mmCIF file of all heavy atoms, coordinates in Angstrom:
data_MODEL
# 
_entry.id   MODEL 
# 
loop_
_atom_site.group_PDB 
_atom_site.id 
_atom_site.type_symbol 
_atom_site.label_atom_id 
_atom_site.label_alt_id 
_atom_site.label_comp_id 
_atom_site.label_asym_id 
_atom_site.label_entity_id 
_atom_site.label_seq_id 
_atom_site.pdbx_PDB_ins_code 
_atom_site.Cartn_x 
_atom_site.Cartn_y 
_atom_site.Cartn_z 
_atom_site.occupancy 
_atom_site.B_iso_or_equiv 
_atom_site.pdbx_formal_charge 
_atom_site.auth_seq_id 
_atom_site.auth_comp_id 
_atom_site.auth_asym_id 
_atom_site.auth_atom_id 
_atom_site.pdbx_PDB_model_num 
ATOM 1   N N   . ILE A 1 1  ? 86.175  104.927 105.033 1.00 0.00 ? 1  ILE A N   1 
ATOM 2   C CA  . ILE A 1 1  ? 87.454  104.595 105.664 1.00 0.00 ? 1  ILE A CA  1 
ATOM 3   C C   . ILE A 1 1  ? 88.194  103.546 104.835 1.00 0.00 ? 1  ILE A C   1 
ATOM 4   O O   . ILE A 1 1  ? 89.391  103.753 104.534 1.00 0.00 ? 1  ILE A O   1 
ATOM 5   C CB  . ILE A 1 1  ? 87.226  104.092 107.112 1.00 0.00 ? 1  ILE A CB  1 
ATOM 6   C CG1 . ILE A 1 1  ? 86.771  105.237 108.037 1.00 0.00 ? 1  ILE A CG1 1 
ATOM 7   C CG2 . ILE A 1 1  ? 88.536  103.450 107.675 1.00 0.00 ? 1  ILE A CG2 1 
ATOM 8   C CD1 . ILE A 1 1  ? 86.372  104.795 109.421 1.00 0.00 ? 1  ILE A CD1 1 
ATOM 9   N N   . PHE A 1 2  ? 87.520  102.479 104.491 1.00 0.00 ? 2  PHE A N   1 
ATOM 10  C CA  . PHE A 1 2  ? 88.248  101.415 103.744 1.00 0.00 ? 2  PHE A CA  1 
ATOM 11  C C   . PHE A 1 2  ? 88.542  101.824 102.320 1.00 0.00 ? 2  PHE A C   1 
ATOM 12  O O   . PHE A 1 2  ? 89.555  101.413 101.704 1.00 0.00 ? 2  PHE A O   1 
ATOM 13  C CB  . PHE A 1 2  ? 87.451  100.098 103.792 1.00 0.00 ? 2  PHE A CB  1 
ATOM 14  C CG  . PHE A 1 2  ? 87.616  99.386  105.095 1.00 0.00 ? 2  PHE A CG  1 
ATOM 15  C CD1 . PHE A 1 2  ? 86.625  99.417  106.037 1.00 0.00 ? 2  PHE A CD1 1 
ATOM 16  C CD2 . PHE A 1 2  ? 88.748  98.698  105.352 1.00 0.00 ? 2  PHE A CD2 1 
ATOM 17  C CE1 . PHE A 1 2  ? 86.797  98.810  107.259 1.00 0.00 ? 2  PHE A CE1 1 
ATOM 18  C CE2 . PHE A 1 2  ? 88.957  98.041  106.579 1.00 0.00 ? 2  PHE A CE2 1 
ATOM 19  C CZ  . PHE A 1 2  ? 87.949  98.069  107.520 1.00 0.00 ? 2  PHE A CZ  1 
ATOM 20  N N   . ASN A 1 3  ? 87.744  102.715 101.708 1.00 0.00 ? 3  ASN A N   1 
ATOM 21  C CA  . ASN A 1 3  ? 88.091  103.289 100.474 1.00 0.00 ? 3  ASN A CA  1 
ATOM 22  C C   . ASN A 1 3  ? 89.381  104.094 100.570 1.00 0.00 ? 3  ASN A C   1 
ATOM 23  O O   . ASN A 1 3  ? 90.230  104.069 99.690  1.00 0.00 ? 3  ASN A O   1 
ATOM 24  C CB  . ASN A 1 3  ? 86.947  104.193 99.917  1.00 0.00 ? 3  ASN A CB  1 
ATOM 25  C CG  . ASN A 1 3  ? 86.289  103.600 98.686  1.00 0.00 ? 3  ASN A CG  1 
ATOM 26  O OD1 . ASN A 1 3  ? 86.607  102.487 98.299  1.00 0.00 ? 3  ASN A OD1 1 
ATOM 27  N ND2 . ASN A 1 3  ? 85.438  104.399 98.057  1.00 0.00 ? 3  ASN A ND2 1 
ATOM 28  N N   . GLY A 1 4  ? 89.488  104.856 101.672 1.00 0.00 ? 4  GLY A N   1 
ATOM 29  C CA  . GLY A 1 4  ? 90.686  105.577 101.888 1.00 0.00 ? 4  GLY A CA  1 
ATOM 30  C C   . GLY A 1 4  ? 91.941  104.713 102.039 1.00 0.00 ? 4  GLY A C   1 
ATOM 31  O O   . GLY A 1 4  ? 93.007  105.026 101.485 1.00 0.00 ? 4  GLY A O   1 
ATOM 32  N N   . ILE A 1 5  ? 91.770  103.605 102.727 1.00 0.00 ? 5  ILE A N   1 
ATOM 33  C CA  . ILE A 1 5  ? 92.875  102.640 102.915 1.00 0.00 ? 5  ILE A CA  1 
ATOM 34  C C   . ILE A 1 5  ? 93.277  102.072 101.555 1.00 0.00 ? 5  ILE A C   1 
ATOM 35  O O   . ILE A 1 5  ? 94.493  101.983 101.222 1.00 0.00 ? 5  ILE A O   1 
ATOM 36  C CB  . ILE A 1 5  ? 92.453  101.513 103.925 1.00 0.00 ? 5  ILE A CB  1 
ATOM 37  C CG1 . ILE A 1 5  ? 92.301  102.121 105.310 1.00 0.00 ? 5  ILE A CG1 1 
ATOM 38  C CG2 . ILE A 1 5  ? 93.496  100.423 103.914 1.00 0.00 ? 5  ILE A CG2 1 
ATOM 39  C CD1 . ILE A 1 5  ? 91.701  101.144 106.303 1.00 0.00 ? 5  ILE A CD1 1 
ATOM 40  N N   . ILE A 1 6  ? 92.283  101.634 100.752 1.00 0.00 ? 6  ILE A N   1 
ATOM 41  C CA  . ILE A 1 6  ? 92.562  101.072 99.427  1.00 0.00 ? 6  ILE A CA  1 
ATOM 42  C C   . ILE A 1 6  ? 93.278  102.107 98.573  1.00 0.00 ? 6  ILE A C   1 
ATOM 43  O O   . ILE A 1 6  ? 94.281  101.840 97.903  1.00 0.00 ? 6  ILE A O   1 
ATOM 44  C CB  . ILE A 1 6  ? 91.270  100.618 98.790  1.00 0.00 ? 6  ILE A CB  1 
ATOM 45  C CG1 . ILE A 1 6  ? 90.726  99.381  99.512  1.00 0.00 ? 6  ILE A CG1 1 
ATOM 46  C CG2 . ILE A 1 6  ? 91.482  100.280 97.293  1.00 0.00 ? 6  ILE A CG2 1 
ATOM 47  C CD1 . ILE A 1 6  ? 89.293  99.018  99.193  1.00 0.00 ? 6  ILE A CD1 1 
ATOM 48  N N   . MET A 1 7  ? 92.804  103.347 98.592  1.00 0.00 ? 7  MET A N   1 
ATOM 49  C CA  . MET A 1 7  ? 93.378  104.432 97.785  1.00 0.00 ? 7  MET A CA  1 
ATOM 50  C C   . MET A 1 7  ? 94.818  104.647 98.268  1.00 0.00 ? 7  MET A C   1 
ATOM 51  O O   . MET A 1 7  ? 95.751  104.834 97.450  1.00 0.00 ? 7  MET A O   1 
ATOM 52  C CB  . MET A 1 7  ? 92.582  105.736 97.944  1.00 0.00 ? 7  MET A CB  1 
ATOM 53  C CG  . MET A 1 7  ? 93.151  106.890 97.185  1.00 0.00 ? 7  MET A CG  1 
ATOM 54  S SD  . MET A 1 7  ? 92.124  108.404 97.303  1.00 0.00 ? 7  MET A SD  1 
ATOM 55  C CE  . MET A 1 7  ? 90.725  107.995 96.351  1.00 0.00 ? 7  MET A CE  1 
ATOM 56  N N   . GLY A 1 8  ? 95.046  104.614 99.574  1.00 0.00 ? 8  GLY A N   1 
ATOM 57  C CA  . GLY A 1 8  ? 96.369  104.860 100.123 1.00 0.00 ? 8  GLY A CA  1 
ATOM 58  C C   . GLY A 1 8  ? 97.361  103.761 99.709  1.00 0.00 ? 8  GLY A C   1 
ATOM 59  O O   . GLY A 1 8  ? 98.483  104.105 99.352  1.00 0.00 ? 8  GLY A O   1 
ATOM 60  N N   . TYR A 1 9  ? 96.948  102.523 99.777  1.00 0.00 ? 9  TYR A N   1 
ATOM 61  C CA  . TYR A 1 9  ? 97.870  101.454 99.379  1.00 0.00 ? 9  TYR A CA  1 
ATOM 62  C C   . TYR A 1 9  ? 98.234  101.543 97.896  1.00 0.00 ? 9  TYR A C   1 
ATOM 63  O O   . TYR A 1 9  ? 99.410  101.403 97.550  1.00 0.00 ? 9  TYR A O   1 
ATOM 64  C CB  . TYR A 1 9  ? 97.208  100.090 99.659  1.00 0.00 ? 9  TYR A CB  1 
ATOM 65  C CG  . TYR A 1 9  ? 97.467  99.568  101.050 1.00 0.00 ? 9  TYR A CG  1 
ATOM 66  C CD1 . TYR A 1 9  ? 96.400  99.297  101.920 1.00 0.00 ? 9  TYR A CD1 1 
ATOM 67  C CD2 . TYR A 1 9  ? 98.760  99.347  101.501 1.00 0.00 ? 9  TYR A CD2 1 
ATOM 68  C CE1 . TYR A 1 9  ? 96.638  98.825  103.201 1.00 0.00 ? 9  TYR A CE1 1 
ATOM 69  C CE2 . TYR A 1 9  ? 99.008  98.884  102.786 1.00 0.00 ? 9  TYR A CE2 1 
ATOM 70  C CZ  . TYR A 1 9  ? 97.933  98.598  103.642 1.00 0.00 ? 9  TYR A CZ  1 
ATOM 71  O OH  . TYR A 1 9  ? 98.170  98.152  104.905 1.00 0.00 ? 9  TYR A OH  1 
ATOM 72  N N   . PHE A 1 10 ? 97.291  101.802 97.039  1.00 0.00 ? 10 PHE A N   1 
ATOM 73  C CA  . PHE A 1 10 ? 97.643  101.899 95.614  1.00 0.00 ? 10 PHE A CA  1 
ATOM 74  C C   . PHE A 1 10 ? 98.506  103.099 95.346  1.00 0.00 ? 10 PHE A C   1 
ATOM 75  O O   . PHE A 1 10 ? 99.424  103.011 94.511  1.00 0.00 ? 10 PHE A O   1 
ATOM 76  C CB  . PHE A 1 10 ? 96.355  101.923 94.772  1.00 0.00 ? 10 PHE A CB  1 
ATOM 77  C CG  . PHE A 1 10 ? 95.769  100.572 94.496  1.00 0.00 ? 10 PHE A CG  1 
ATOM 78  C CD1 . PHE A 1 10 ? 94.484  100.281 94.839  1.00 0.00 ? 10 PHE A CD1 1 
ATOM 79  C CD2 . PHE A 1 10 ? 96.537  99.608  93.863  1.00 0.00 ? 10 PHE A CD2 1 
ATOM 80  C CE1 . PHE A 1 10 ? 93.935  99.028  94.601  1.00 0.00 ? 10 PHE A CE1 1 
ATOM 81  C CE2 . PHE A 1 10 ? 96.002  98.339  93.584  1.00 0.00 ? 10 PHE A CE2 1 
ATOM 82  C CZ  . PHE A 1 10 ? 94.678  98.041  93.973  1.00 0.00 ? 10 PHE A CZ  1 
ATOM 83  N N   . PHE A 1 11 ? 98.258  104.202 96.028  1.00 0.00 ? 11 PHE A N   1 
ATOM 84  C CA  . PHE A 1 11 ? 99.142  105.367 95.860  1.00 0.00 ? 11 PHE A CA  1 
ATOM 85  C C   . PHE A 1 11 ? 100.522 105.085 96.397  1.00 0.00 ? 11 PHE A C   1 
ATOM 86  O O   . PHE A 1 11 ? 101.502 105.570 95.810  1.00 0.00 ? 11 PHE A O   1 
ATOM 87  C CB  . PHE A 1 11 ? 98.517  106.596 96.556  1.00 0.00 ? 11 PHE A CB  1 
ATOM 88  C CG  . PHE A 1 11 ? 99.083  107.924 96.060  1.00 0.00 ? 11 PHE A CG  1 
ATOM 89  C CD1 . PHE A 1 11 ? 98.490  108.571 94.982  1.00 0.00 ? 11 PHE A CD1 1 
ATOM 90  C CD2 . PHE A 1 11 ? 100.215 108.460 96.609  1.00 0.00 ? 11 PHE A CD2 1 
ATOM 91  C CE1 . PHE A 1 11 ? 98.993  109.754 94.518  1.00 0.00 ? 11 PHE A CE1 1 
ATOM 92  C CE2 . PHE A 1 11 ? 100.720 109.661 96.136  1.00 0.00 ? 11 PHE A CE2 1 
ATOM 93  C CZ  . PHE A 1 11 ? 100.091 110.302 95.085  1.00 0.00 ? 11 PHE A CZ  1 
ATOM 94  N N   . GLU A 1 12 ? 100.583 104.345 97.472  1.00 0.00 ? 12 GLU A N   1 
ATOM 95  C CA  . GLU A 1 12 ? 101.881 103.928 98.024  1.00 0.00 ? 12 GLU A CA  1 
ATOM 96  C C   . GLU A 1 12 ? 102.651 103.058 97.013  1.00 0.00 ? 12 GLU A C   1 
ATOM 97  O O   . GLU A 1 12 ? 103.809 103.247 96.800  1.00 0.00 ? 12 GLU A O   1 
ATOM 98  C CB  . GLU A 1 12 ? 101.594 103.155 99.315  1.00 0.00 ? 12 GLU A CB  1 
ATOM 99  C CG  . GLU A 1 12 ? 102.776 102.842 100.168 1.00 0.00 ? 12 GLU A CG  1 
ATOM 100 C CD  . GLU A 1 12 ? 103.123 103.848 101.246 1.00 0.00 ? 12 GLU A CD  1 
ATOM 101 O OE1 . GLU A 1 12 ? 102.337 104.122 102.169 1.00 0.00 ? 12 GLU A OE1 1 
ATOM 102 O OE2 . GLU A 1 12 ? 104.268 104.279 101.179 1.00 0.00 ? 12 GLU A OE2 1 
ATOM 103 N N   . PHE A 1 13 ? 101.916 102.081 96.374  1.00 0.00 ? 13 PHE A N   1 
ATOM 104 C CA  . PHE A 1 13 ? 102.548 101.282 95.325  1.00 0.00 ? 13 PHE A CA  1 
ATOM 105 C C   . PHE A 1 13 ? 103.050 102.173 94.197  1.00 0.00 ? 13 PHE A C   1 
ATOM 106 O O   . PHE A 1 13 ? 104.159 101.961 93.659  1.00 0.00 ? 13 PHE A O   1 
ATOM 107 C CB  . PHE A 1 13 ? 101.569 100.264 94.768  1.00 0.00 ? 13 PHE A CB  1 
ATOM 108 C CG  . PHE A 1 13 ? 101.271 99.139  95.697  1.00 0.00 ? 13 PHE A CG  1 
ATOM 109 C CD1 . PHE A 1 13 ? 99.992  98.708  95.909  1.00 0.00 ? 13 PHE A CD1 1 
ATOM 110 C CD2 . PHE A 1 13 ? 102.302 98.445  96.328  1.00 0.00 ? 13 PHE A CD2 1 
ATOM 111 C CE1 . PHE A 1 13 ? 99.724  97.627  96.748  1.00 0.00 ? 13 PHE A CE1 1 
ATOM 112 C CE2 . PHE A 1 13 ? 102.025 97.403  97.191  1.00 0.00 ? 13 PHE A CE2 1 
ATOM 113 C CZ  . PHE A 1 13 ? 100.747 96.965  97.362  1.00 0.00 ? 13 PHE A CZ  1 
ATOM 114 N N   . TYR A 1 14 ? 102.248 103.142 93.786  1.00 0.00 ? 14 TYR A N   1 
ATOM 115 C CA  . TYR A 1 14 ? 102.636 104.061 92.721  1.00 0.00 ? 14 TYR A CA  1 
ATOM 116 C C   . TYR A 1 14 ? 103.910 104.868 93.131  1.00 0.00 ? 14 TYR A C   1 
ATOM 117 O O   . TYR A 1 14 ? 104.838 105.010 92.316  1.00 0.00 ? 14 TYR A O   1 
ATOM 118 C CB  . TYR A 1 14 ? 101.502 105.010 92.360  1.00 0.00 ? 14 TYR A CB  1 
ATOM 119 C CG  . TYR A 1 14 ? 101.953 106.167 91.508  1.00 0.00 ? 14 TYR A CG  1 
ATOM 120 C CD1 . TYR A 1 14 ? 102.254 105.973 90.144  1.00 0.00 ? 14 TYR A CD1 1 
ATOM 121 C CD2 . TYR A 1 14 ? 102.002 107.451 92.044  1.00 0.00 ? 14 TYR A CD2 1 
ATOM 122 C CE1 . TYR A 1 14 ? 102.656 107.064 89.369  1.00 0.00 ? 14 TYR A CE1 1 
ATOM 123 C CE2 . TYR A 1 14 ? 102.422 108.511 91.235  1.00 0.00 ? 14 TYR A CE2 1 
ATOM 124 C CZ  . TYR A 1 14 ? 102.736 108.314 89.934  1.00 0.00 ? 14 TYR A CZ  1 
ATOM 125 O OH  . TYR A 1 14 ? 103.171 109.382 89.108  1.00 0.00 ? 14 TYR A OH  1 
ATOM 126 N N   . SER A 1 15 ? 103.888 105.398 94.347  1.00 0.00 ? 15 SER A N   1 
ATOM 127 C CA  . SER A 1 15 ? 105.012 106.213 94.775  1.00 0.00 ? 15 SER A CA  1 
ATOM 128 C C   . SER A 1 15 ? 106.340 105.423 94.830  1.00 0.00 ? 15 SER A C   1 
ATOM 129 O O   . SER A 1 15 ? 107.423 105.942 94.652  1.00 0.00 ? 15 SER A O   1 
ATOM 130 C CB  . SER A 1 15 ? 104.742 106.840 96.131  1.00 0.00 ? 15 SER A CB  1 
ATOM 131 O OG  . SER A 1 15 ? 104.732 105.872 97.138  1.00 0.00 ? 15 SER A OG  1 
ATOM 132 N N   . LYS A 1 16 ? 106.235 104.129 95.143  1.00 0.00 ? 16 LYS A N   1 
ATOM 133 C CA  . LYS A 1 16 ? 107.429 103.285 95.250  1.00 0.00 ? 16 LYS A CA  1 
ATOM 134 C C   . LYS A 1 16 ? 107.881 102.744 93.906  1.00 0.00 ? 16 LYS A C   1 
ATOM 135 O O   . LYS A 1 16 ? 109.117 102.503 93.699  1.00 0.00 ? 16 LYS A O   1 
ATOM 136 C CB  . LYS A 1 16 ? 107.168 102.108 96.181  1.00 0.00 ? 16 LYS A CB  1 
ATOM 137 C CG  . LYS A 1 16 ? 106.782 102.524 97.618  1.00 0.00 ? 16 LYS A CG  1 
ATOM 138 C CD  . LYS A 1 16 ? 107.889 103.261 98.313  1.00 0.00 ? 16 LYS A CD  1 
ATOM 139 C CE  . LYS A 1 16 ? 107.480 103.553 99.797  1.00 0.00 ? 16 LYS A CE  1 
ATOM 140 N NZ  . LYS A 1 16 ? 108.520 104.353 100.473 1.00 0.00 ? 16 LYS A NZ  1 
ATOM 141 N N   . THR A 1 17 ? 106.960 102.468 92.993  1.00 0.00 ? 17 THR A N   1 
ATOM 142 C CA  . THR A 1 17 ? 107.320 101.810 91.743  1.00 0.00 ? 17 THR A CA  1 
ATOM 143 C C   . THR A 1 17 ? 107.322 102.738 90.518  1.00 0.00 ? 17 THR A C   1 
ATOM 144 O O   . THR A 1 17 ? 107.965 102.481 89.524  1.00 0.00 ? 17 THR A O   1 
ATOM 145 C CB  . THR A 1 17 ? 106.352 100.647 91.442  1.00 0.00 ? 17 THR A CB  1 
ATOM 146 O OG1 . THR A 1 17 ? 105.029 101.188 91.197  1.00 0.00 ? 17 THR A OG1 1 
ATOM 147 C CG2 . THR A 1 17 ? 106.297 99.669  92.627  1.00 0.00 ? 17 THR A CG2 1 
ATOM 148 N N   . GLY A 1 18 ? 106.532 103.854 90.614  1.00 0.00 ? 18 GLY A N   1 
ATOM 149 C CA  . GLY A 1 18 ? 106.368 104.739 89.458  1.00 0.00 ? 18 GLY A CA  1 
ATOM 150 C C   . GLY A 1 18 ? 105.501 104.160 88.353  1.00 0.00 ? 18 GLY A C   1 
ATOM 151 O O   . GLY A 1 18 ? 105.425 104.722 87.257  1.00 0.00 ? 18 GLY A O   1 
ATOM 152 N N   . ASP A 1 19 ? 104.831 103.040 88.619  1.00 0.00 ? 19 ASP A N   1 
ATOM 153 C CA  . ASP A 1 19 ? 103.988 102.380 87.630  1.00 0.00 ? 19 ASP A CA  1 
ATOM 154 C C   . ASP A 1 19 ? 102.634 103.071 87.578  1.00 0.00 ? 19 ASP A C   1 
ATOM 155 O O   . ASP A 1 19 ? 101.897 103.099 88.555  1.00 0.00 ? 19 ASP A O   1 
ATOM 156 C CB  . ASP A 1 19 ? 103.839 100.895 87.992  1.00 0.00 ? 19 ASP A CB  1 
ATOM 157 C CG  . ASP A 1 19 ? 103.209 100.096 86.887  1.00 0.00 ? 19 ASP A CG  1 
ATOM 158 O OD1 . ASP A 1 19 ? 102.449 100.690 86.070  1.00 0.00 ? 19 ASP A OD1 1 
ATOM 159 O OD2 . ASP A 1 19 ? 103.421 98.888  86.850  1.00 0.00 ? 19 ASP A OD2 1 
ATOM 160 N N   . ASN A 1 20 ? 102.292 103.625 86.420  1.00 0.00 ? 20 ASN A N   1 
ATOM 161 C CA  . ASN A 1 20 ? 101.075 104.425 86.266  1.00 0.00 ? 20 ASN A CA  1 
ATOM 162 C C   . ASN A 1 20 ? 99.805  103.642 86.482  1.00 0.00 ? 20 ASN A C   1 
ATOM 163 O O   . ASN A 1 20 ? 98.764  104.170 86.765  1.00 0.00 ? 20 ASN A O   1 
ATOM 164 C CB  . ASN A 1 20 ? 101.042 105.102 84.941  1.00 0.00 ? 20 ASN A CB  1 
ATOM 165 C CG  . ASN A 1 20 ? 102.011 106.306 84.871  1.00 0.00 ? 20 ASN A CG  1 
ATOM 166 O OD1 . ASN A 1 20 ? 102.253 106.950 85.848  1.00 0.00 ? 20 ASN A OD1 1 
ATOM 167 N ND2 . ASN A 1 20 ? 102.506 106.567 83.682  1.00 0.00 ? 20 ASN A ND2 1 
ATOM 168 N N   . LYS A 1 21 ? 99.902  102.277 86.304  1.00 0.00 ? 21 LYS A N   1 
ATOM 169 C CA  . LYS A 1 21 ? 98.689  101.486 86.502  1.00 0.00 ? 21 LYS A CA  1 
ATOM 170 C C   . LYS A 1 21 ? 98.199  101.605 87.982  1.00 0.00 ? 21 LYS A C   1 
ATOM 171 O O   . LYS A 1 21 ? 96.982  101.582 88.220  1.00 0.00 ? 21 LYS A O   1 
ATOM 172 C CB  . LYS A 1 21 ? 98.952  100.012 86.149  1.00 0.00 ? 21 LYS A CB  1 
ATOM 173 C CG  . LYS A 1 21 ? 99.756  99.213  87.103  1.00 0.00 ? 21 LYS A CG  1 
ATOM 174 C CD  . LYS A 1 21 ? 99.873  97.754  86.710  1.00 0.00 ? 21 LYS A CD  1 
ATOM 175 C CE  . LYS A 1 21 ? 100.751 96.980  87.705  1.00 0.00 ? 21 LYS A CE  1 
ATOM 176 N NZ  . LYS A 1 21 ? 100.948 95.573  87.296  1.00 0.00 ? 21 LYS A NZ  1 
ATOM 177 N N   . PHE A 1 22 ? 99.134  101.719 88.871  1.00 0.00 ? 22 PHE A N   1 
ATOM 178 C CA  . PHE A 1 22 ? 98.721  101.881 90.308  1.00 0.00 ? 22 PHE A CA  1 
ATOM 179 C C   . PHE A 1 22 ? 98.065  103.243 90.541  1.00 0.00 ? 22 PHE A C   1 
ATOM 180 O O   . PHE A 1 22 ? 97.195  103.343 91.377  1.00 0.00 ? 22 PHE A O   1 
ATOM 181 C CB  . PHE A 1 22 ? 99.928  101.684 91.212  1.00 0.00 ? 22 PHE A CB  1 
ATOM 182 C CG  . PHE A 1 22 ? 100.484 100.265 91.260  1.00 0.00 ? 22 PHE A CG  1 
ATOM 183 C CD1 . PHE A 1 22 ? 101.772 100.027 90.913  1.00 0.00 ? 22 PHE A CD1 1 
ATOM 184 C CD2 . PHE A 1 22 ? 99.681  99.220  91.662  1.00 0.00 ? 22 PHE A CD2 1 
ATOM 185 C CE1 . PHE A 1 22 ? 102.275 98.714  90.907  1.00 0.00 ? 22 PHE A CE1 1 
ATOM 186 C CE2 . PHE A 1 22 ? 100.137 97.941  91.660  1.00 0.00 ? 22 PHE A CE2 1 
ATOM 187 C CZ  . PHE A 1 22 ? 101.454 97.668  91.283  1.00 0.00 ? 22 PHE A CZ  1 
ATOM 188 N N   . LEU A 1 23 ? 98.516  104.253 89.790  1.00 0.00 ? 23 LEU A N   1 
ATOM 189 C CA  . LEU A 1 23 ? 97.863  105.574 89.908  1.00 0.00 ? 23 LEU A CA  1 
ATOM 190 C C   . LEU A 1 23 ? 96.419  105.469 89.382  1.00 0.00 ? 23 LEU A C   1 
ATOM 191 O O   . LEU A 1 23 ? 95.525  106.046 89.974  1.00 0.00 ? 23 LEU A O   1 
ATOM 192 C CB  . LEU A 1 23 ? 98.653  106.590 89.082  1.00 0.00 ? 23 LEU A CB  1 
ATOM 193 C CG  . LEU A 1 23 ? 98.292  108.056 89.330  1.00 0.00 ? 23 LEU A CG  1 
ATOM 194 C CD1 . LEU A 1 23 ? 98.579  108.436 90.764  1.00 0.00 ? 23 LEU A CD1 1 
ATOM 195 C CD2 . LEU A 1 23 ? 99.073  108.931 88.386  1.00 0.00 ? 23 LEU A CD2 1 
ATOM 196 N N   . GLY A 1 24 ? 96.199  104.682 88.356  1.00 0.00 ? 24 GLY A N   1 
ATOM 197 C CA  . GLY A 1 24 ? 94.848  104.455 87.861  1.00 0.00 ? 24 GLY A CA  1 
ATOM 198 C C   . GLY A 1 24 ? 94.000  103.721 88.852  1.00 0.00 ? 24 GLY A C   1 
ATOM 199 O O   . GLY A 1 24 ? 92.849  104.123 89.094  1.00 0.00 ? 24 GLY A O   1 
ATOM 200 N N   . TYR A 1 25 ? 94.548  102.646 89.423  1.00 0.00 ? 25 TYR A N   1 
ATOM 201 C CA  . TYR A 1 25 ? 93.812  101.938 90.473  1.00 0.00 ? 25 TYR A CA  1 
ATOM 202 C C   . TYR A 1 25 ? 93.504  102.836 91.693  1.00 0.00 ? 25 TYR A C   1 
ATOM 203 O O   . TYR A 1 25 ? 92.413  102.667 92.313  1.00 0.00 ? 25 TYR A O   1 
ATOM 204 C CB  . TYR A 1 25 ? 94.593  100.727 90.961  1.00 0.00 ? 25 TYR A CB  1 
ATOM 205 C CG  . TYR A 1 25 ? 94.851  99.656  89.925  1.00 0.00 ? 25 TYR A CG  1 
ATOM 206 C CD1 . TYR A 1 25 ? 95.998  98.849  90.008  1.00 0.00 ? 25 TYR A CD1 1 
ATOM 207 C CD2 . TYR A 1 25 ? 93.957  99.425  88.881  1.00 0.00 ? 25 TYR A CD2 1 
ATOM 208 C CE1 . TYR A 1 25 ? 96.248  97.848  89.078  1.00 0.00 ? 25 TYR A CE1 1 
ATOM 209 C CE2 . TYR A 1 25 ? 94.207  98.444  87.958  1.00 0.00 ? 25 TYR A CE2 1 
ATOM 210 C CZ  . TYR A 1 25 ? 95.342  97.666  88.073  1.00 0.00 ? 25 TYR A CZ  1 
ATOM 211 O OH  . TYR A 1 25 ? 95.579  96.658  87.134  1.00 0.00 ? 25 TYR A OH  1 
ATOM 212 N N   . THR A 1 26 ? 94.388  103.748 91.996  1.00 0.00 ? 26 THR A N   1 
ATOM 213 C CA  . THR A 1 26 ? 94.256  104.629 93.136  1.00 0.00 ? 26 THR A CA  1 
ATOM 214 C C   . THR A 1 26 ? 92.949  105.385 93.054  1.00 0.00 ? 26 THR A C   1 
ATOM 215 O O   . THR A 1 26 ? 92.198  105.586 94.074  1.00 0.00 ? 26 THR A O   1 
ATOM 216 C CB  . THR A 1 26 ? 95.397  105.633 93.215  1.00 0.00 ? 26 THR A CB  1 
ATOM 217 O OG1 . THR A 1 26 ? 96.621  104.946 93.360  1.00 0.00 ? 26 THR A OG1 1 
ATOM 218 C CG2 . THR A 1 26 ? 95.221  106.611 94.391  1.00 0.00 ? 26 THR A CG2 1 
# 
């Protein structure tokens, strides 16, 4: 569950900023 939340937040950051580093963290 918490892995999903972490993945979701980083993907959310990526979707808002377009910064590929967040996609990597995702």
